[in-house]
């Protein structure tokens, strides 16, 4: 079994503008550590750890947040969550929330991360069967006078930052994005250190998904005055050419354009 830990996506921090998460990966032959690395809401960082784990061994992921001076590591650091990948794990591309169940709690408190990984029997990355085409974005109600918005698909930022005002519609000139049968799209408003997640959309590719045009409305509300509403148009096609990952494996975003 080969486990490739690809990237980590910060959805929310806990009471801080930024945090310093780190990941300890243990397996029968030893362990590897990624981080600590400074992250804030809406940012993604590559991990790029690959473990060749012989049977009957397993791979365990432990995520921590560094509270040690100088972004160090100690036994006093908060433990976010852990997850063990067994030999019986399904093969393909996957993701997991840390802590597990955080996606169900909602609200705007408590740290939430999402880690993306592959489980394969060889070194080849799984080919994703579909392509996601983000076609246009319509702003019905901007959060501010001018919003700077961007998309994150399956934990990876795609495209650029779009300047949006109420009533404006822009075409999205983004390369087709390889996806699995289940995909996640998030819309973010860029505020520098404290980005606002305007909403998320998780969908499953099935017979009900129209091949020509689909829409999703992102709604965000802070209070009676501060709210936002956007409509995304997108479509899905078969990945008949076997297109690989969007951009390159090095592509990531740390909040600066």
C-alpha atoms as a PDB file:
ATOM      1  CA  UNK A   1       0.000   0.000   0.000  1.00  0.00           C
ATOM      2  CA  UNK A   2       1.314   3.429  -0.975  1.00  0.00           C
ATOM      3  CA  UNK A   3      -0.093   6.444   0.879  1.00  0.00           C
ATOM      4  CA  UNK A   4       0.541   9.887  -0.600  1.00  0.00           C
ATOM      5  CA  UNK A   5      -0.411  12.815   1.651  1.00  0.00           C
ATOM      6  CA  UNK A   6      -0.847  15.689  -0.769  1.00  0.00           C
ATOM      7  CA  UNK A   7      -2.030  18.875   0.903  1.00  0.00           C
ATOM      8  CA  UNK A   8      -3.735  20.498   3.886  1.00  0.00           C
ATOM      9  CA  UNK A   9      -6.511  23.083   3.638  1.00  0.00           C
ATOM     10  CA  UNK A  10      -7.296  25.495   6.487  1.00  0.00           C
ATOM     11  CA  UNK A  11     -11.024  26.168   6.674  1.00  0.00           C
ATOM     12  CA  UNK A  12     -11.047  27.848  10.072  1.00  0.00           C
ATOM     13  CA  UNK A  13      -8.647  28.713  12.892  1.00  0.00           C
ATOM     14  CA  UNK A  14      -9.506  28.816  16.589  1.00  0.00           C
ATOM     15  CA  UNK A  15      -9.443  32.313  18.059  1.00  0.00           C
ATOM     16  CA  UNK A  16      -6.292  33.333  16.181  1.00  0.00           C
ATOM     17  CA  UNK A  17      -5.652  35.060  12.871  1.00  0.00           C
ATOM     18  CA  UNK A  18      -3.187  32.331  11.983  1.00  0.00           C
ATOM     19  CA  UNK A  19      -2.079  28.998  13.387  1.00  0.00           C
ATOM     20  CA  UNK A  20       0.982  26.775  12.992  1.00  0.00           C
ATOM     21  CA  UNK A  21      -0.261  23.213  12.327  1.00  0.00           C
ATOM     22  CA  UNK A  22       2.066  20.251  11.927  1.00  0.00           C
ATOM     23  CA  UNK A  23       1.471  16.652  10.939  1.00  0.00           C
ATOM     24  CA  UNK A  24       3.183  13.574  12.362  1.00  0.00           C
ATOM     25  CA  UNK A  25       2.928  10.521  10.109  1.00  0.00           C
ATOM     26  CA  UNK A  26       3.843   7.176  11.676  1.00  0.00           C
ATOM     27  CA  UNK A  27       4.258   3.845   9.882  1.00  0.00           C
ATOM     28  CA  UNK A  28       6.029   0.519  10.581  1.00  0.00           C
ATOM     29  CA  UNK A  29       9.463   1.714   9.420  1.00  0.00           C
ATOM     30  CA  UNK A  30       9.461   5.056  11.262  1.00  0.00           C
ATOM     31  CA  UNK A  31       7.808   8.457  11.058  1.00  0.00           C
ATOM     32  CA  UNK A  32       7.843  11.703   9.100  1.00  0.00           C
ATOM     33  CA  UNK A  33       6.879  15.229  10.143  1.00  0.00           C
ATOM     34  CA  UNK A  34       5.485  18.083   8.071  1.00  0.00           C
ATOM     35  CA  UNK A  35       5.466  21.596   9.552  1.00  0.00           C
ATOM     36  CA  UNK A  36       4.882  23.552  11.681  1.00  0.00           C
ATOM     37  CA  UNK A  37       3.745  25.934   8.946  1.00  0.00           C
ATOM     38  CA  UNK A  38       1.861  29.199   9.340  1.00  0.00           C
ATOM     39  CA  UNK A  39      -1.673  29.000   7.930  1.00  0.00           C
ATOM     40  CA  UNK A  40      -4.846  31.057   8.035  1.00  0.00           C
ATOM     41  CA  UNK A  41      -8.439  30.741   6.803  1.00  0.00           C
ATOM     42  CA  UNK A  42      -8.776  29.791   3.154  1.00  0.00           C
ATOM     43  CA  UNK A  43      -5.138  28.819   2.593  1.00  0.00           C
ATOM     44  CA  UNK A  44      -3.666  25.574   1.305  1.00  0.00           C
ATOM     45  CA  UNK A  45      -0.170  24.171   1.754  1.00  0.00           C
ATOM     46  CA  UNK A  46       1.430  21.153   0.044  1.00  0.00           C
ATOM     47  CA  UNK A  47       2.578  18.266   2.239  1.00  0.00           C
ATOM     48  CA  UNK A  48       4.079  15.830  -0.292  1.00  0.00           C
ATOM     49  CA  UNK A  49       4.758  12.860   2.003  1.00  0.00           C
ATOM     50  CA  UNK A  50       4.686   9.429   0.370  1.00  0.00           C
ATOM     51  CA  UNK A  51       4.817   6.201   2.402  1.00  0.00           C
ATOM     52  CA  UNK A  52       5.336   2.715   0.969  1.00  0.00           C
ATOM     53  CA  UNK A  53       3.717   0.660   3.724  1.00  0.00           C
ATOM     54  CA  UNK A  54       4.079  -3.142   3.481  1.00  0.00           C
ATOM     55  CA  UNK A  55       1.288  -5.420   4.656  1.00  0.00           C
ATOM     56  CA  UNK A  56       0.044  -5.757   7.363  1.00  0.00           C
ATOM     57  CA  UNK A  57       1.228  -2.316   8.485  1.00  0.00           C
ATOM     58  CA  UNK A  58      -0.819   0.887   8.669  1.00  0.00           C
ATOM     59  CA  UNK A  59      -0.176   4.632   8.379  1.00  0.00           C
ATOM     60  CA  UNK A  60      -1.380   7.019  11.108  1.00  0.00           C
ATOM     61  CA  UNK A  61      -1.823  10.774  10.694  1.00  0.00           C
ATOM     62  CA  UNK A  62      -1.661  12.950  13.832  1.00  0.00           C
ATOM     63  CA  UNK A  63      -2.393  16.658  13.410  1.00  0.00           C
ATOM     64  CA  UNK A  64      -1.208  19.151  16.036  1.00  0.00           C
ATOM     65  CA  UNK A  65      -1.187  22.930  16.437  1.00  0.00           C
ATOM     66  CA  UNK A  66       2.075  24.425  17.622  1.00  0.00           C
ATOM     67  CA  UNK A  67       1.821  26.516  20.775  1.00  0.00           C
ATOM     68  CA  UNK A  68       5.569  26.218  21.365  1.00  0.00           C
ATOM     69  CA  UNK A  69       7.752  29.326  21.049  1.00  0.00           C
ATOM     70  CA  UNK A  70       9.466  29.768  17.700  1.00  0.00           C
ATOM     71  CA  UNK A  71       7.007  27.417  15.935  1.00  0.00           C
ATOM     72  CA  UNK A  72       8.542  24.478  17.751  1.00  0.00           C
ATOM     73  CA  UNK A  73       6.971  21.171  18.753  1.00  0.00           C
ATOM     74  CA  UNK A  74       6.336  19.816  22.240  1.00  0.00           C
ATOM     75  CA  UNK A  75       4.116  17.376  24.128  1.00  0.00           C
ATOM     76  CA  UNK A  76       2.009  20.335  25.328  1.00  0.00           C
ATOM     77  CA  UNK A  77       0.817  21.279  21.830  1.00  0.00           C
ATOM     78  CA  UNK A  78      -2.937  20.793  21.224  1.00  0.00           C
ATOM     79  CA  UNK A  79      -3.772  17.556  19.414  1.00  0.00           C
ATOM     80  CA  UNK A  80      -6.350  18.293  16.708  1.00  0.00           C
ATOM     81  CA  UNK A  81      -7.167  14.711  15.668  1.00  0.00           C
ATOM     82  CA  UNK A  82      -5.702  11.482  14.311  1.00  0.00           C
ATOM     83  CA  UNK A  83      -6.603   9.007  11.590  1.00  0.00           C
ATOM     84  CA  UNK A  84      -5.233   5.559  10.690  1.00  0.00           C
ATOM     85  CA  UNK A  85      -5.132   4.249   7.124  1.00  0.00           C
ATOM     86  CA  UNK A  86      -5.307   0.452   7.119  1.00  0.00           C
ATOM     87  CA  UNK A  87      -4.321  -1.946   4.335  1.00  0.00           C
ATOM     88  CA  UNK A  88      -8.034  -2.566   3.701  1.00  0.00           C
ATOM     89  CA  UNK A  89      -8.594   1.124   2.826  1.00  0.00           C
ATOM     90  CA  UNK A  90     -10.248   1.673  -0.531  1.00  0.00           C
ATOM     91  CA  UNK A  91      -7.880   2.734  -3.336  1.00  0.00           C
ATOM     92  CA  UNK A  92      -8.184   6.181  -4.915  1.00  0.00           C
ATOM     93  CA  UNK A  93      -8.177   9.850  -3.855  1.00  0.00           C
ATOM     94  CA  UNK A  94      -9.716  10.891  -0.537  1.00  0.00           C
ATOM     95  CA  UNK A  95      -9.946  13.643   2.046  1.00  0.00           C
ATOM     96  CA  UNK A  96     -10.727  13.865   5.753  1.00  0.00           C
ATOM     97  CA  UNK A  97     -11.717  16.650   8.128  1.00  0.00           C
ATOM     98  CA  UNK A  98      -9.544  17.227  11.196  1.00  0.00           C
ATOM     99  CA  UNK A  99     -11.209  16.987  13.644  1.00  0.00           C
ATOM    100  CA  UNK A 100     -13.608  14.431  12.194  1.00  0.00           C
ATOM    101  CA  UNK A 101     -17.202  15.657  12.316  1.00  0.00           C
ATOM    102  CA  UNK A 102     -16.184  19.324  12.296  1.00  0.00           C
ATOM    103  CA  UNK A 103     -17.940  19.824   8.957  1.00  0.00           C
ATOM    104  CA  UNK A 104     -21.265  18.945  10.610  1.00  0.00           C
ATOM    105  CA  UNK A 105     -21.047  21.395  13.487  1.00  0.00           C
ATOM    106  CA  UNK A 106     -21.211  24.636  11.475  1.00  0.00           C
ATOM    107  CA  UNK A 107     -20.799  27.979  13.200  1.00  0.00           C
ATOM    108  CA  UNK A 108     -17.644  30.047  13.125  1.00  0.00           C
ATOM    109  CA  UNK A 109     -15.632  28.768  16.080  1.00  0.00           C
ATOM    110  CA  UNK A 110     -13.151  25.955  16.462  1.00  0.00           C
ATOM    111  CA  UNK A 111     -10.320  25.004  14.126  1.00  0.00           C
ATOM    112  CA  UNK A 112     -11.116  22.949  11.048  1.00  0.00           C
ATOM    113  CA  UNK A 113      -8.597  21.493   8.590  1.00  0.00           C
ATOM    114  CA  UNK A 114      -9.008  19.151   5.634  1.00  0.00           C
ATOM    115  CA  UNK A 115      -6.234  16.778   4.530  1.00  0.00           C
ATOM    116  CA  UNK A 116      -6.150  15.264   1.038  1.00  0.00           C
ATOM    117  CA  UNK A 117      -4.434  11.950   0.317  1.00  0.00           C
ATOM    118  CA  UNK A 118      -4.197   9.042  -2.150  1.00  0.00           C
ATOM    119  CA  UNK A 119      -4.103   5.315  -1.412  1.00  0.00           C
ATOM    120  CA  UNK A 120      -2.717   3.220  -4.286  1.00  0.00           C
ATOM    121  CA  UNK A 121      -0.901  -0.005  -5.023  1.00  0.00           C
ATOM    122  CA  UNK A 122       1.734   1.726  -7.174  1.00  0.00           C
ATOM    123  CA  UNK A 123       3.338   5.157  -7.576  1.00  0.00           C
ATOM    124  CA  UNK A 124       0.865   6.399 -10.186  1.00  0.00           C
ATOM    125  CA  UNK A 125      -1.659   9.037  -9.149  1.00  0.00           C
ATOM    126  CA  UNK A 126      -5.277   7.920  -9.648  1.00  0.00           C
ATOM    127  CA  UNK A 127      -6.837   9.404 -12.792  1.00  0.00           C
ATOM    128  CA  UNK A 128      -9.968  11.339 -11.916  1.00  0.00           C
ATOM    129  CA  UNK A 129     -12.936  10.361 -14.125  1.00  0.00           C
ATOM    130  CA  UNK A 130     -14.569  13.791 -14.555  1.00  0.00           C
ATOM    131  CA  UNK A 131     -13.710  17.400 -15.414  1.00  0.00           C
ATOM    132  CA  UNK A 132     -15.287  20.371 -13.648  1.00  0.00           C
ATOM    133  CA  UNK A 133     -15.784  23.494 -15.767  1.00  0.00           C
ATOM    134  CA  UNK A 134     -16.433  26.686 -13.760  1.00  0.00           C
ATOM    135  CA  UNK A 135     -18.039  28.925 -16.384  1.00  0.00           C
ATOM    136  CA  UNK A 136     -19.314  32.148 -14.783  1.00  0.00           C
ATOM    137  CA  UNK A 137     -19.968  33.862 -11.451  1.00  0.00           C
ATOM    138  CA  UNK A 138     -22.795  36.303 -10.774  1.00  0.00           C
ATOM    139  CA  UNK A 139     -22.770  38.654  -7.780  1.00  0.00           C
ATOM    140  CA  UNK A 140     -26.287  39.345  -6.551  1.00  0.00           C
ATOM    141  CA  UNK A 141     -25.175  40.971  -3.279  1.00  0.00           C
ATOM    142  CA  UNK A 142     -21.543  41.825  -2.515  1.00  0.00           C
ATOM    143  CA  UNK A 143     -20.187  41.537   1.016  1.00  0.00           C
ATOM    144  CA  UNK A 144     -18.385  44.885   0.679  1.00  0.00           C
ATOM    145  CA  UNK A 145     -18.378  47.698  -1.890  1.00  0.00           C
ATOM    146  CA  UNK A 146     -15.979  45.526  -3.902  1.00  0.00           C
ATOM    147  CA  UNK A 147     -15.293  41.899  -3.030  1.00  0.00           C
ATOM    148  CA  UNK A 148     -12.136  40.020  -3.986  1.00  0.00           C
ATOM    149  CA  UNK A 149     -13.292  36.439  -4.368  1.00  0.00           C
ATOM    150  CA  UNK A 150     -11.601  33.176  -5.315  1.00  0.00           C
ATOM    151  CA  UNK A 151     -12.454  29.477  -5.549  1.00  0.00           C
ATOM    152  CA  UNK A 152     -11.088  26.433  -3.754  1.00  0.00           C
ATOM    153  CA  UNK A 153     -11.925  23.053  -5.320  1.00  0.00           C
ATOM    154  CA  UNK A 154     -11.155  19.935  -3.284  1.00  0.00           C
ATOM    155  CA  UNK A 155      -8.722  21.879  -1.103  1.00  0.00           C
ATOM    156  CA  UNK A 156      -6.815  23.491  -3.987  1.00  0.00           C
ATOM    157  CA  UNK A 157      -7.190  27.088  -5.048  1.00  0.00           C
ATOM    158  CA  UNK A 158      -8.075  27.396  -8.730  1.00  0.00           C
ATOM    159  CA  UNK A 159      -8.031  30.457 -10.957  1.00  0.00           C
ATOM    160  CA  UNK A 160      -7.313  33.977  -9.806  1.00  0.00           C
ATOM    161  CA  UNK A 161      -9.002  36.620  -7.673  1.00  0.00           C
ATOM    162  CA  UNK A 162     -12.069  38.310  -9.128  1.00  0.00           C
ATOM    163  CA  UNK A 163     -13.147  41.867  -8.223  1.00  0.00           C
ATOM    164  CA  UNK A 164     -16.912  41.709  -7.790  1.00  0.00           C
ATOM    165  CA  UNK A 165     -19.641  44.275  -7.141  1.00  0.00           C
ATOM    166  CA  UNK A 166     -23.382  43.754  -6.754  1.00  0.00           C
ATOM    167  CA  UNK A 167     -24.926  43.121 -10.156  1.00  0.00           C
ATOM    168  CA  UNK A 168     -21.704  42.070 -11.889  1.00  0.00           C
ATOM    169  CA  UNK A 169     -21.249  38.771 -13.779  1.00  0.00           C
ATOM    170  CA  UNK A 170     -17.815  37.578 -14.907  1.00  0.00           C
ATOM    171  CA  UNK A 171     -16.719  34.657 -17.098  1.00  0.00           C
ATOM    172  CA  UNK A 172     -14.350  32.284 -15.332  1.00  0.00           C
ATOM    173  CA  UNK A 173     -11.444  31.476 -17.622  1.00  0.00           C
ATOM    174  CA  UNK A 174     -10.250  28.524 -15.542  1.00  0.00           C
ATOM    175  CA  UNK A 175      -8.798  25.334 -17.008  1.00  0.00           C
ATOM    176  CA  UNK A 176     -11.005  22.236 -16.541  1.00  0.00           C
ATOM    177  CA  UNK A 177     -10.408  20.726 -13.094  1.00  0.00           C
ATOM    178  CA  UNK A 178     -10.129  16.923 -12.709  1.00  0.00           C
ATOM    179  CA  UNK A 179     -12.522  15.657 -10.026  1.00  0.00           C
ATOM    180  CA  UNK A 180     -13.824  12.403  -8.589  1.00  0.00           C
ATOM    181  CA  UNK A 181     -17.486  11.436  -8.404  1.00  0.00           C
ATOM    182  CA  UNK A 182     -17.850  13.652  -5.307  1.00  0.00           C
ATOM    183  CA  UNK A 183     -16.368  17.167  -5.397  1.00  0.00           C
ATOM    184  CA  UNK A 184     -16.353  20.227  -3.167  1.00  0.00           C
ATOM    185  CA  UNK A 185     -16.351  23.885  -4.262  1.00  0.00           C
ATOM    186  CA  UNK A 186     -15.826  26.758  -1.811  1.00  0.00           C
ATOM    187  CA  UNK A 187     -16.077  30.485  -2.503  1.00  0.00           C
ATOM    188  CA  UNK A 188     -13.828  32.776  -0.432  1.00  0.00           C
ATOM    189  CA  UNK A 189     -13.564  36.544  -0.016  1.00  0.00           C
ATOM    190  CA  UNK A 190      -9.956  37.633   0.288  1.00  0.00           C
ATOM    191  CA  UNK A 191      -9.230  39.861   3.292  1.00  0.00           C
ATOM    192  CA  UNK A 192      -5.519  39.148   3.680  1.00  0.00           C
ATOM    193  CA  UNK A 193      -5.043  37.406   7.016  1.00  0.00           C
ATOM    194  CA  UNK A 194      -8.704  36.667   7.786  1.00  0.00           C
ATOM    195  CA  UNK A 195     -10.521  35.459   4.677  1.00  0.00           C
ATOM    196  CA  UNK A 196     -14.272  34.855   4.761  1.00  0.00           C
ATOM    197  CA  UNK A 197     -15.706  31.607   3.434  1.00  0.00           C
ATOM    198  CA  UNK A 198     -18.848  32.701   1.618  1.00  0.00           C
ATOM    199  CA  UNK A 199     -20.124  29.161   1.295  1.00  0.00           C
ATOM    200  CA  UNK A 200     -19.456  25.651   0.086  1.00  0.00           C
ATOM    201  CA  UNK A 201     -21.059  23.247  -2.365  1.00  0.00           C
ATOM    202  CA  UNK A 202     -20.492  19.491  -2.320  1.00  0.00           C
ATOM    203  CA  UNK A 203     -22.045  17.569  -5.182  1.00  0.00           C
ATOM    204  CA  UNK A 204     -22.082  14.044  -6.587  1.00  0.00           C
ATOM    205  CA  UNK A 205     -21.772  13.363 -10.300  1.00  0.00           C
ATOM    206  CA  UNK A 206     -24.803  11.264 -11.234  1.00  0.00           C
ATOM    207  CA  UNK A 207     -27.527  11.030 -13.843  1.00  0.00           C
ATOM    208  CA  UNK A 208     -29.323  14.044 -12.338  1.00  0.00           C
ATOM    209  CA  UNK A 209     -26.381  16.398 -13.003  1.00  0.00           C
ATOM    210  CA  UNK A 210     -27.057  18.216 -16.256  1.00  0.00           C
ATOM    211  CA  UNK A 211     -24.109  18.138 -18.696  1.00  0.00           C
ATOM    212  CA  UNK A 212     -24.797  21.629 -20.048  1.00  0.00           C
ATOM    213  CA  UNK A 213     -25.251  24.000 -17.126  1.00  0.00           C
ATOM    214  CA  UNK A 214     -25.660  23.695 -13.359  1.00  0.00           C
ATOM    215  CA  UNK A 215     -25.947  26.449 -10.776  1.00  0.00           C
ATOM    216  CA  UNK A 216     -25.292  26.870  -7.079  1.00  0.00           C
ATOM    217  CA  UNK A 217     -26.040  29.874  -4.865  1.00  0.00           C
ATOM    218  CA  UNK A 218     -23.462  30.754  -2.217  1.00  0.00           C
ATOM    219  CA  UNK A 219     -25.018  32.616   0.723  1.00  0.00           C
ATOM    220  CA  UNK A 220     -23.120  34.254   3.593  1.00  0.00           C
ATOM    221  CA  UNK A 221     -24.583  36.273   6.456  1.00  0.00           C
ATOM    222  CA  UNK A 222     -22.735  37.833   9.378  1.00  0.00           C
ATOM    223  CA  UNK A 223     -25.548  40.060  10.629  1.00  0.00           C
ATOM    224  CA  UNK A 224     -28.432  42.170   9.323  1.00  0.00           C
ATOM    225  CA  UNK A 225     -26.033  44.463   7.457  1.00  0.00           C
ATOM    226  CA  UNK A 226     -23.168  42.217   6.370  1.00  0.00           C
ATOM    227  CA  UNK A 227     -24.220  39.500   3.950  1.00  0.00           C
ATOM    228  CA  UNK A 228     -23.412  38.237   0.461  1.00  0.00           C
ATOM    229  CA  UNK A 229     -24.997  36.161  -2.316  1.00  0.00           C
ATOM    230  CA  UNK A 230     -23.312  34.736  -5.410  1.00  0.00           C
ATOM    231  CA  UNK A 231     -24.506  32.380  -8.161  1.00  0.00           C
ATOM    232  CA  UNK A 232     -21.990  30.016  -9.765  1.00  0.00           C
ATOM    233  CA  UNK A 233     -22.575  28.414 -13.167  1.00  0.00           C
ATOM    234  CA  UNK A 234     -20.672  25.207 -13.855  1.00  0.00           C
ATOM    235  CA  UNK A 235     -20.781  21.979 -15.834  1.00  0.00           C
ATOM    236  CA  UNK A 236     -19.168  18.535 -15.633  1.00  0.00           C
ATOM    237  CA  UNK A 237     -17.790  16.387 -18.462  1.00  0.00           C
ATOM    238  CA  UNK A 238     -16.047  13.030 -18.735  1.00  0.00           C
ATOM    239  CA  UNK A 239     -12.268  13.121 -18.460  1.00  0.00           C
ATOM    240  CA  UNK A 240     -11.842  11.153 -21.672  1.00  0.00           C
ATOM    241  CA  UNK A 241      -8.296  12.465 -22.241  1.00  0.00           C
ATOM    242  CA  UNK A 242      -7.116  11.465 -18.762  1.00  0.00           C
ATOM    243  CA  UNK A 243      -6.155  15.020 -17.774  1.00  0.00           C
ATOM    244  CA  UNK A 244      -3.986  15.071 -14.651  1.00  0.00           C
ATOM    245  CA  UNK A 245      -4.156  17.316 -11.600  1.00  0.00           C
ATOM    246  CA  UNK A 246      -4.965  20.997 -12.064  1.00  0.00           C
ATOM    247  CA  UNK A 247      -1.759  22.890 -12.804  1.00  0.00           C
ATOM    248  CA  UNK A 248       1.084  21.001 -11.166  1.00  0.00           C
ATOM    249  CA  UNK A 249       1.660  19.193  -7.895  1.00  0.00           C
ATOM    250  CA  UNK A 250       3.516  22.294  -6.720  1.00  0.00           C
ATOM    251  CA  UNK A 251       0.491  24.590  -7.108  1.00  0.00           C
ATOM    252  CA  UNK A 252      -0.766  26.044  -3.858  1.00  0.00           C
ATOM    253  CA  UNK A 253      -1.863  29.323  -2.317  1.00  0.00           C
ATOM    254  CA  UNK A 254      -0.742  31.023   0.841  1.00  0.00           C
ATOM    255  CA  UNK A 255      -2.950  34.097   0.648  1.00  0.00           C
ATOM    256  CA  UNK A 256      -0.813  36.465  -1.408  1.00  0.00           C
ATOM    257  CA  UNK A 257      -1.565  37.295  -5.040  1.00  0.00           C
END
